[in-house]
PDB file of N, CA and C in Angstrom:
ATOM      1  N   UNK A   1      63.046  20.830  -9.323  1.00  0.00           N
ATOM      2  CA  UNK A   1      63.351  21.303  -8.699  1.00  0.00           C
ATOM      3  C   UNK A   1      63.633  23.157  -8.509  1.00  0.00           C
ATOM      4  N   UNK A   2      63.043  25.058  -8.742  1.00  0.00           N
ATOM      5  CA  UNK A   2      63.482  25.578  -9.152  1.00  0.00           C
ATOM      6  C   UNK A   2      64.365  25.494  -8.899  1.00  0.00           C
ATOM      7  N   UNK A   3      65.429  26.939  -9.107  1.00  0.00           N
ATOM      8  CA  UNK A   3      67.412  27.313  -8.652  1.00  0.00           C
ATOM      9  C   UNK A   3      66.697  28.084  -7.347  1.00  0.00           C
ATOM     10  N   UNK A   4      65.487  28.601  -7.304  1.00  0.00           N
ATOM     11  CA  UNK A   4      65.563  29.730  -6.398  1.00  0.00           C
ATOM     12  C   UNK A   4      65.130  29.092  -5.388  1.00  0.00           C
ATOM     13  N   UNK A   5      64.550  27.743  -5.160  1.00  0.00           N
ATOM     14  CA  UNK A   5      64.695  26.424  -3.862  1.00  0.00           C
ATOM     15  C   UNK A   5      66.446  26.253  -3.660  1.00  0.00           C
ATOM     16  N   UNK A   6      67.038  26.100  -3.957  1.00  0.00           N
ATOM     17  CA  UNK A   6      67.819  25.626  -4.330  1.00  0.00           C
ATOM     18  C   UNK A   6      69.165  26.738  -3.237  1.00  0.00           C
ATOM     19  N   UNK A   7      68.855  27.558  -3.746  1.00  0.00           N
ATOM     20  CA  UNK A   7      69.923  29.005  -3.273  1.00  0.00           C
ATOM     21  C   UNK A   7      69.527  28.463  -1.822  1.00  0.00           C
ATOM     22  N   UNK A   8      70.744  29.447  -0.929  1.00  0.00           N
ATOM     23  CA  UNK A   8      71.352  29.472   0.362  1.00  0.00           C
ATOM     24  C   UNK A   8      72.101  30.585   0.673  1.00  0.00           C
ATOM     25  N   UNK A   9      71.773  30.481   1.946  1.00  0.00           N
ATOM     26  CA  UNK A   9      72.807  32.328   2.522  1.00  0.00           C
ATOM     27  C   UNK A   9      74.423  31.716   2.772  1.00  0.00           C
ATOM     28  N   UNK A  10      74.952  32.631   2.769  1.00  0.00           N
ATOM     29  CA  UNK A  10      76.455  32.279   3.352  1.00  0.00           C
ATOM     30  C   UNK A  10      76.717  33.472   4.335  1.00  0.00           C
ATOM     31  N   UNK A  11      77.464  33.293   5.423  1.00  0.00           N
ATOM     32  CA  UNK A  11      78.137  34.532   5.855  1.00  0.00           C
ATOM     33  C   UNK A  11      79.073  34.010   6.895  1.00  0.00           C
ATOM     34  N   UNK A  12      80.577  34.631   6.979  1.00  0.00           N
ATOM     35  CA  UNK A  12      81.662  34.570   7.466  1.00  0.00           C
ATOM     36  C   UNK A  12      82.240  35.823   7.640  1.00  0.00           C
ATOM     37  N   UNK A  13      83.333  35.978   8.508  1.00  0.00           N
ATOM     38  CA  UNK A  13      84.437  37.179   8.679  1.00  0.00           C
ATOM     39  C   UNK A  13      85.558  36.596   8.218  1.00  0.00           C
ATOM     40  N   UNK A  14      86.315  37.818   7.315  1.00  0.00           N
ATOM     41  CA  UNK A  14      87.846  37.050   7.589  1.00  0.00           C
ATOM     42  C   UNK A  14      88.429  38.603   7.068  1.00  0.00           C
ATOM     43  N   UNK A  15      89.083  38.821   7.609  1.00  0.00           N
ATOM     44  CA  UNK A  15      90.508  39.683   7.740  1.00  0.00           C
ATOM     45  C   UNK A  15      89.319  41.165   8.417  1.00  0.00           C
ATOM     46  N   UNK A  16      88.247  40.563   9.345  1.00  0.00           N
ATOM     47  CA  UNK A  16      87.912  42.107   9.571  1.00  0.00           C
ATOM     48  C   UNK A  16      86.890  42.720   9.411  1.00  0.00           C
ATOM     49  N   UNK A  17      86.021  41.530   7.727  1.00  0.00           N
ATOM     50  CA  UNK A  17      85.730  42.556   7.140  1.00  0.00           C
ATOM     51  C   UNK A  17      84.060  41.584   7.123  1.00  0.00           C
ATOM     52  N   UNK A  18      82.843  41.700   7.840  1.00  0.00           N
ATOM     53  CA  UNK A  18      81.590  41.050   7.466  1.00  0.00           C
ATOM     54  C   UNK A  18      80.870  40.855   6.520  1.00  0.00           C
ATOM     55  N   UNK A  19      80.988  39.596   5.769  1.00  0.00           N
ATOM     56  CA  UNK A  19      80.636  39.297   4.505  1.00  0.00           C
ATOM     57  C   UNK A  19      79.429  38.420   4.567  1.00  0.00           C
ATOM     58  N   UNK A  20      78.538  39.066   3.978  1.00  0.00           N
ATOM     59  CA  UNK A  20      77.201  37.857   3.958  1.00  0.00           C
ATOM     60  C   UNK A  20      76.848  37.829   2.324  1.00  0.00           C
ATOM     61  N   UNK A  21      76.396  36.978   1.812  1.00  0.00           N
ATOM     62  CA  UNK A  21      75.750  36.979   0.487  1.00  0.00           C
ATOM     63  C   UNK A  21      74.860  35.856   0.054  1.00  0.00           C
ATOM     64  N   UNK A  22      74.893  34.857  -0.955  1.00  0.00           N
ATOM     65  CA  UNK A  22      74.117  33.660  -1.771  1.00  0.00           C
ATOM     66  C   UNK A  22      74.568  33.690  -2.132  1.00  0.00           C
ATOM     67  N   UNK A  23      74.293  32.168  -2.177  1.00  0.00           N
ATOM     68  CA  UNK A  23      75.551  31.148  -3.122  1.00  0.00           C
ATOM     69  C   UNK A  23      73.767  30.275  -4.078  1.00  0.00           C
ATOM     70  N   UNK A  24      73.874  30.440  -5.163  1.00  0.00           N
ATOM     71  CA  UNK A  24      73.321  29.635  -6.369  1.00  0.00           C
ATOM     72  C   UNK A  24      73.355  28.201  -7.047  1.00  0.00           C
ATOM     73  N   UNK A  25      73.546  27.034  -6.440  1.00  0.00           N
ATOM     74  CA  UNK A  25      73.748  25.655  -6.886  1.00  0.00           C
ATOM     75  C   UNK A  25      73.389  25.990  -8.456  1.00  0.00           C
ATOM     76  N   UNK A  26      74.359  25.026  -8.925  1.00  0.00           N
ATOM     77  CA  UNK A  26      74.572  24.659 -10.703  1.00  0.00           C
ATOM     78  C   UNK A  26      73.390  23.455 -10.242  1.00  0.00           C
ATOM     79  N   UNK A  27      73.093  23.264 -11.805  1.00  0.00           N
ATOM     80  CA  UNK A  27      71.860  22.408 -11.813  1.00  0.00           C
ATOM     81  C   UNK A  27      72.702  20.863 -12.025  1.00  0.00           C
ATOM     82  N   UNK A  28      73.968  21.199 -12.561  1.00  0.00           N
ATOM     83  CA  UNK A  28      74.839  20.497 -12.798  1.00  0.00           C
ATOM     84  C   UNK A  28      75.940  19.840 -11.474  1.00  0.00           C
ATOM     85  N   UNK A  29      75.690  18.523 -11.473  1.00  0.00           N
ATOM     86  CA  UNK A  29      76.157  17.965 -10.468  1.00  0.00           C
ATOM     87  C   UNK A  29      77.446  17.256 -10.849  1.00  0.00           C
ATOM     88  N   UNK A  30      78.359  17.269 -10.240  1.00  0.00           N
ATOM     89  CA  UNK A  30      80.240  16.334 -10.120  1.00  0.00           C
ATOM     90  C   UNK A  30      79.582  14.827  -9.620  1.00  0.00           C
ATOM     91  N   UNK A  31      80.630  14.024  -9.748  1.00  0.00           N
ATOM     92  CA  UNK A  31      81.024  12.967  -9.255  1.00  0.00           C
ATOM     93  C   UNK A  31      80.682  12.581  -7.909  1.00  0.00           C
ATOM     94  N   UNK A  32      80.964  13.238  -6.821  1.00  0.00           N
ATOM     95  CA  UNK A  32      80.860  13.640  -5.396  1.00  0.00           C
ATOM     96  C   UNK A  32      79.502  13.463  -5.289  1.00  0.00           C
ATOM     97  N   UNK A  33      78.375  13.427  -6.755  1.00  0.00           N
ATOM     98  CA  UNK A  33      76.325  14.500  -5.992  1.00  0.00           C
ATOM     99  C   UNK A  33      76.588  15.819  -5.211  1.00  0.00           C
ATOM    100  N   UNK A  34      77.725  17.027  -5.758  1.00  0.00           N
ATOM    101  CA  UNK A  34      77.048  18.241  -4.985  1.00  0.00           C
ATOM    102  C   UNK A  34      77.524  18.731  -6.705  1.00  0.00           C
ATOM    103  N   UNK A  35      76.829  20.567  -6.782  1.00  0.00           N
ATOM    104  CA  UNK A  35      76.640  20.616  -7.541  1.00  0.00           C
ATOM    105  C   UNK A  35      78.214  21.646  -8.012  1.00  0.00           C
ATOM    106  N   UNK A  36      78.351  21.380  -9.496  1.00  0.00           N
ATOM    107  CA  UNK A  36      79.811  21.441 -10.260  1.00  0.00           C
ATOM    108  C   UNK A  36      80.352  22.776 -10.045  1.00  0.00           C
ATOM    109  N   UNK A  37      79.420  24.097  -9.827  1.00  0.00           N
ATOM    110  CA  UNK A  37      79.743  25.343  -9.735  1.00  0.00           C
ATOM    111  C   UNK A  37      78.500  26.364  -9.105  1.00  0.00           C
ATOM    112  N   UNK A  38      78.699  27.487  -8.108  1.00  0.00           N
ATOM    113  CA  UNK A  38      77.745  28.453  -7.567  1.00  0.00           C
ATOM    114  C   UNK A  38      78.187  29.784  -7.792  1.00  0.00           C
ATOM    115  N   UNK A  39      77.439  30.241  -8.443  1.00  0.00           N
ATOM    116  CA  UNK A  39      77.395  30.843  -8.364  1.00  0.00           C
ATOM    117  C   UNK A  39      76.471  32.285  -6.940  1.00  0.00           C
ATOM    118  N   UNK A  40      78.337  32.952  -6.623  1.00  0.00           N
ATOM    119  CA  UNK A  40      78.256  33.516  -5.014  1.00  0.00           C
ATOM    120  C   UNK A  40      78.180  34.709  -5.445  1.00  0.00           C
ATOM    121  N   UNK A  41      77.364  35.103  -4.815  1.00  0.00           N
ATOM    122  CA  UNK A  41      77.257  37.763  -4.789  1.00  0.00           C
ATOM    123  C   UNK A  41      77.261  37.302  -2.937  1.00  0.00           C
ATOM    124  N   UNK A  42      78.175  38.346  -2.768  1.00  0.00           N
ATOM    125  CA  UNK A  42      79.125  38.250  -1.652  1.00  0.00           C
ATOM    126  C   UNK A  42      78.963  39.989  -0.945  1.00  0.00           C
ATOM    127  N   UNK A  43      78.278  40.381  -0.365  1.00  0.00           N
ATOM    128  CA  UNK A  43      78.146  41.958  -0.044  1.00  0.00           C
ATOM    129  C   UNK A  43      77.690  43.146  -1.026  1.00  0.00           C
ATOM    130  N   UNK A  44      76.147  41.825  -1.560  1.00  0.00           N
ATOM    131  CA  UNK A  44      75.862  42.941  -2.753  1.00  0.00           C
ATOM    132  C   UNK A  44      76.693  42.867  -3.847  1.00  0.00           C
ATOM    133  N   UNK A  45      78.077  42.038  -4.047  1.00  0.00           N
ATOM    134  CA  UNK A  45      78.283  42.205  -5.425  1.00  0.00           C
ATOM    135  C   UNK A  45      78.113  40.894  -5.724  1.00  0.00           C
ATOM    136  N   UNK A  46      78.716  40.803  -7.298  1.00  0.00           N
ATOM    137  CA  UNK A  46      79.094  39.556  -7.458  1.00  0.00           C
ATOM    138  C   UNK A  46      80.696  39.259  -7.618  1.00  0.00           C
ATOM    139  N   UNK A  47      80.964  37.952  -6.697  1.00  0.00           N
ATOM    140  CA  UNK A  47      81.913  37.009  -6.878  1.00  0.00           C
ATOM    141  C   UNK A  47      82.620  36.684  -7.425  1.00  0.00           C
ATOM    142  N   UNK A  48      81.761  35.938  -8.356  1.00  0.00           N
ATOM    143  CA  UNK A  48      81.658  34.693  -9.319  1.00  0.00           C
ATOM    144  C   UNK A  48      81.415  33.234  -9.135  1.00  0.00           C
ATOM    145  N   UNK A  49      81.809  32.448 -10.138  1.00  0.00           N
ATOM    146  CA  UNK A  49      81.388  31.090  -9.973  1.00  0.00           C
ATOM    147  C   UNK A  49      82.871  30.171  -9.693  1.00  0.00           C
ATOM    148  N   UNK A  50      82.480  29.663  -8.513  1.00  0.00           N
ATOM    149  CA  UNK A  50      83.082  29.190  -6.964  1.00  0.00           C
ATOM    150  C   UNK A  50      82.429  27.813  -8.453  1.00  0.00           C
ATOM    151  N   UNK A  51      84.088  27.034  -8.615  1.00  0.00           N
ATOM    152  CA  UNK A  51      83.600  25.076  -8.697  1.00  0.00           C
ATOM    153  C   UNK A  51      85.034  24.770  -7.975  1.00  0.00           C
ATOM    154  N   UNK A  52      85.125  23.332  -7.462  1.00  0.00           N
ATOM    155  CA  UNK A  52      85.668  22.784  -6.867  1.00  0.00           C
ATOM    156  C   UNK A  52      86.794  21.596  -7.683  1.00  0.00           C
ATOM    157  N   UNK A  53      87.852  22.370  -7.792  1.00  0.00           N
ATOM    158  CA  UNK A  53      88.372  20.855  -8.633  1.00  0.00           C
ATOM    159  C   UNK A  53      89.812  20.497  -7.739  1.00  0.00           C
ATOM    160  N   UNK A  54      90.041  19.873  -7.967  1.00  0.00           N
ATOM    161  CA  UNK A  54      91.601  19.100  -7.709  1.00  0.00           C
ATOM    162  C   UNK A  54      91.877  19.246  -6.098  1.00  0.00           C
ATOM    163  N   UNK A  55      90.805  18.889  -5.262  1.00  0.00           N
ATOM    164  CA  UNK A  55      91.183  19.236  -3.863  1.00  0.00           C
ATOM    165  C   UNK A  55      91.399  20.858  -3.659  1.00  0.00           C
ATOM    166  N   UNK A  56      90.591  21.974  -4.265  1.00  0.00           N
ATOM    167  CA  UNK A  56      90.549  23.180  -3.814  1.00  0.00           C
ATOM    168  C   UNK A  56      90.349  23.604  -4.900  1.00  0.00           C
ATOM    169  N   UNK A  57      89.425  24.898  -4.525  1.00  0.00           N
ATOM    170  CA  UNK A  57      88.272  26.682  -4.627  1.00  0.00           C
ATOM    171  C   UNK A  57      89.210  27.065  -5.496  1.00  0.00           C
ATOM    172  N   UNK A  58      88.110  27.142  -7.112  1.00  0.00           N
ATOM    173  CA  UNK A  58      88.250  28.293  -7.997  1.00  0.00           C
ATOM    174  C   UNK A  58      87.674  29.271  -7.729  1.00  0.00           C
ATOM    175  N   UNK A  59      87.970  30.773  -8.268  1.00  0.00           N
ATOM    176  CA  UNK A  59      86.624  31.115  -9.100  1.00  0.00           C
ATOM    177  C   UNK A  59      87.005  32.153  -9.847  1.00  0.00           C
ATOM    178  N   UNK A  60      85.803  32.316 -11.131  1.00  0.00           N
ATOM    179  CA  UNK A  60      86.225  32.673 -12.168  1.00  0.00           C
ATOM    180  C   UNK A  60      86.705  34.524 -12.485  1.00  0.00           C
ATOM    181  N   UNK A  61      86.428  34.847 -11.757  1.00  0.00           N
ATOM    182  CA  UNK A  61      87.100  36.154 -11.310  1.00  0.00           C
ATOM    183  C   UNK A  61      88.057  36.747 -10.605  1.00  0.00           C
ATOM    184  N   UNK A  62      88.747  37.991 -10.674  1.00  0.00           N
ATOM    185  CA  UNK A  62      90.492  38.022  -9.590  1.00  0.00           C
ATOM    186  C   UNK A  62      89.862  38.238  -8.804  1.00  0.00           C
ATOM    187  N   UNK A  63      90.396  37.411  -7.465  1.00  0.00           N
ATOM    188  CA  UNK A  63      89.883  37.517  -6.657  1.00  0.00           C
ATOM    189  C   UNK A  63      90.492  37.041  -6.035  1.00  0.00           C
ATOM    190  N   UNK A  64      91.231  37.209  -4.009  1.00  0.00           N
ATOM    191  CA  UNK A  64      92.284  37.209  -3.411  1.00  0.00           C
ATOM    192  C   UNK A  64      92.268  35.088  -3.349  1.00  0.00           C
ATOM    193  N   UNK A  65      92.856  34.552  -3.038  1.00  0.00           N
ATOM    194  CA  UNK A  65      93.012  32.852  -2.848  1.00  0.00           C
ATOM    195  C   UNK A  65      92.656  33.146  -1.216  1.00  0.00           C
ATOM    196  N   UNK A  66      92.896  34.110  -0.345  1.00  0.00           N
ATOM    197  CA  UNK A  66      92.370  33.757   0.818  1.00  0.00           C
ATOM    198  C   UNK A  66      90.944  33.656   0.844  1.00  0.00           C
ATOM    199  N   UNK A  67      90.187  34.525   0.489  1.00  0.00           N
ATOM    200  CA  UNK A  67      88.555  34.753   0.631  1.00  0.00           C
ATOM    201  C   UNK A  67      87.510  34.124  -0.487  1.00  0.00           C
ATOM    202  N   UNK A  68      88.483  32.963  -1.957  1.00  0.00           N
ATOM    203  CA  UNK A  68      87.795  32.324  -2.380  1.00  0.00           C
ATOM    204  C   UNK A  68      87.691  31.543  -1.663  1.00  0.00           C
ATOM    205  N   UNK A  69      88.838  30.913  -0.818  1.00  0.00           N
ATOM    206  CA  UNK A  69      88.765  29.311   0.032  1.00  0.00           C
ATOM    207  C   UNK A  69      87.745  29.625   1.077  1.00  0.00           C
ATOM    208  N   UNK A  70      87.836  31.027   1.985  1.00  0.00           N
ATOM    209  CA  UNK A  70      87.005  31.233   2.779  1.00  0.00           C
ATOM    210  C   UNK A  70      84.927  31.433   2.217  1.00  0.00           C
ATOM    211  N   UNK A  71      85.092  31.545   1.243  1.00  0.00           N
ATOM    212  CA  UNK A  71      83.807  30.758   0.410  1.00  0.00           C
ATOM    213  C   UNK A  71      83.703  29.768  -0.032  1.00  0.00           C
ATOM    214  N   UNK A  72      84.721  28.532  -0.332  1.00  0.00           N
ATOM    215  CA  UNK A  72      84.718  27.307  -0.343  1.00  0.00           C
ATOM    216  C   UNK A  72      84.238  27.103   0.718  1.00  0.00           C
ATOM    217  N   UNK A  73      84.191  26.926   1.730  1.00  0.00           N
ATOM    218  CA  UNK A  73      84.419  26.710   3.367  1.00  0.00           C
ATOM    219  C   UNK A  73      82.599  26.804   3.454  1.00  0.00           C
ATOM    220  N   UNK A  74      82.519  28.232   3.177  1.00  0.00           N
ATOM    221  CA  UNK A  74      80.993  28.193   3.655  1.00  0.00           C
ATOM    222  C   UNK A  74      79.614  27.506   2.753  1.00  0.00           C
ATOM    223  N   UNK A  75      80.269  26.980   1.375  1.00  0.00           N
ATOM    224  CA  UNK A  75      79.550  26.482   1.323  1.00  0.00           C
ATOM    225  C   UNK A  75      80.037  25.364   1.824  1.00  0.00           C
ATOM    226  N   UNK A  76      80.798  25.136   1.851  1.00  0.00           N
ATOM    227  CA  UNK A  76      81.068  23.066   2.596  1.00  0.00           C
ATOM    228  C   UNK A  76      80.323  23.264   3.617  1.00  0.00           C
ATOM    229  N   UNK A  77      80.216  24.002   4.307  1.00  0.00           N
ATOM    230  CA  UNK A  77      79.551  24.265   5.809  1.00  0.00           C
ATOM    231  C   UNK A  77      77.364  23.359   5.149  1.00  0.00           C
ATOM    232  N   UNK A  78      77.194  24.488   4.078  1.00  0.00           N
ATOM    233  CA  UNK A  78      76.659  23.578   3.908  1.00  0.00           C
ATOM    234  C   UNK A  78      76.364  22.489   3.460  1.00  0.00           C
ATOM    235  N   UNK A  79      76.839  22.025   2.584  1.00  0.00           N
ATOM    236  CA  UNK A  79      77.148  20.641   2.372  1.00  0.00           C
ATOM    237  C   UNK A  79      77.371  19.616   3.731  1.00  0.00           C
ATOM    238  N   UNK A  80      77.744  19.727   4.587  1.00  0.00           N
ATOM    239  CA  UNK A  80      77.916  18.851   5.328  1.00  0.00           C
ATOM    240  C   UNK A  80      77.154  18.522   5.821  1.00  0.00           C
ATOM    241  N   UNK A  81      76.780  16.756   6.318  1.00  0.00           N
ATOM    242  CA  UNK A  81      75.815  16.333   6.883  1.00  0.00           C
ATOM    243  C   UNK A  81      76.273  15.560   8.761  1.00  0.00           C
TER     244      UNK A  81
END
């Protein structure tokens, strides 16, 4: 499956700002069977690569923790069954 087919859109509001963007999951999966990391673009700007470790979301860029958690929640919603 091509990466483009796995990409999905996200949107949410935080601190009165509407965020829209897309997520490109990695091909590598973690123990839970979901992608190990996600390249995230928000409002046409690269947010960074998010990963979920030790029950928390982290990003490889200097981003606000609250916003990182919001992006993580949006990703979790996509994978909720």
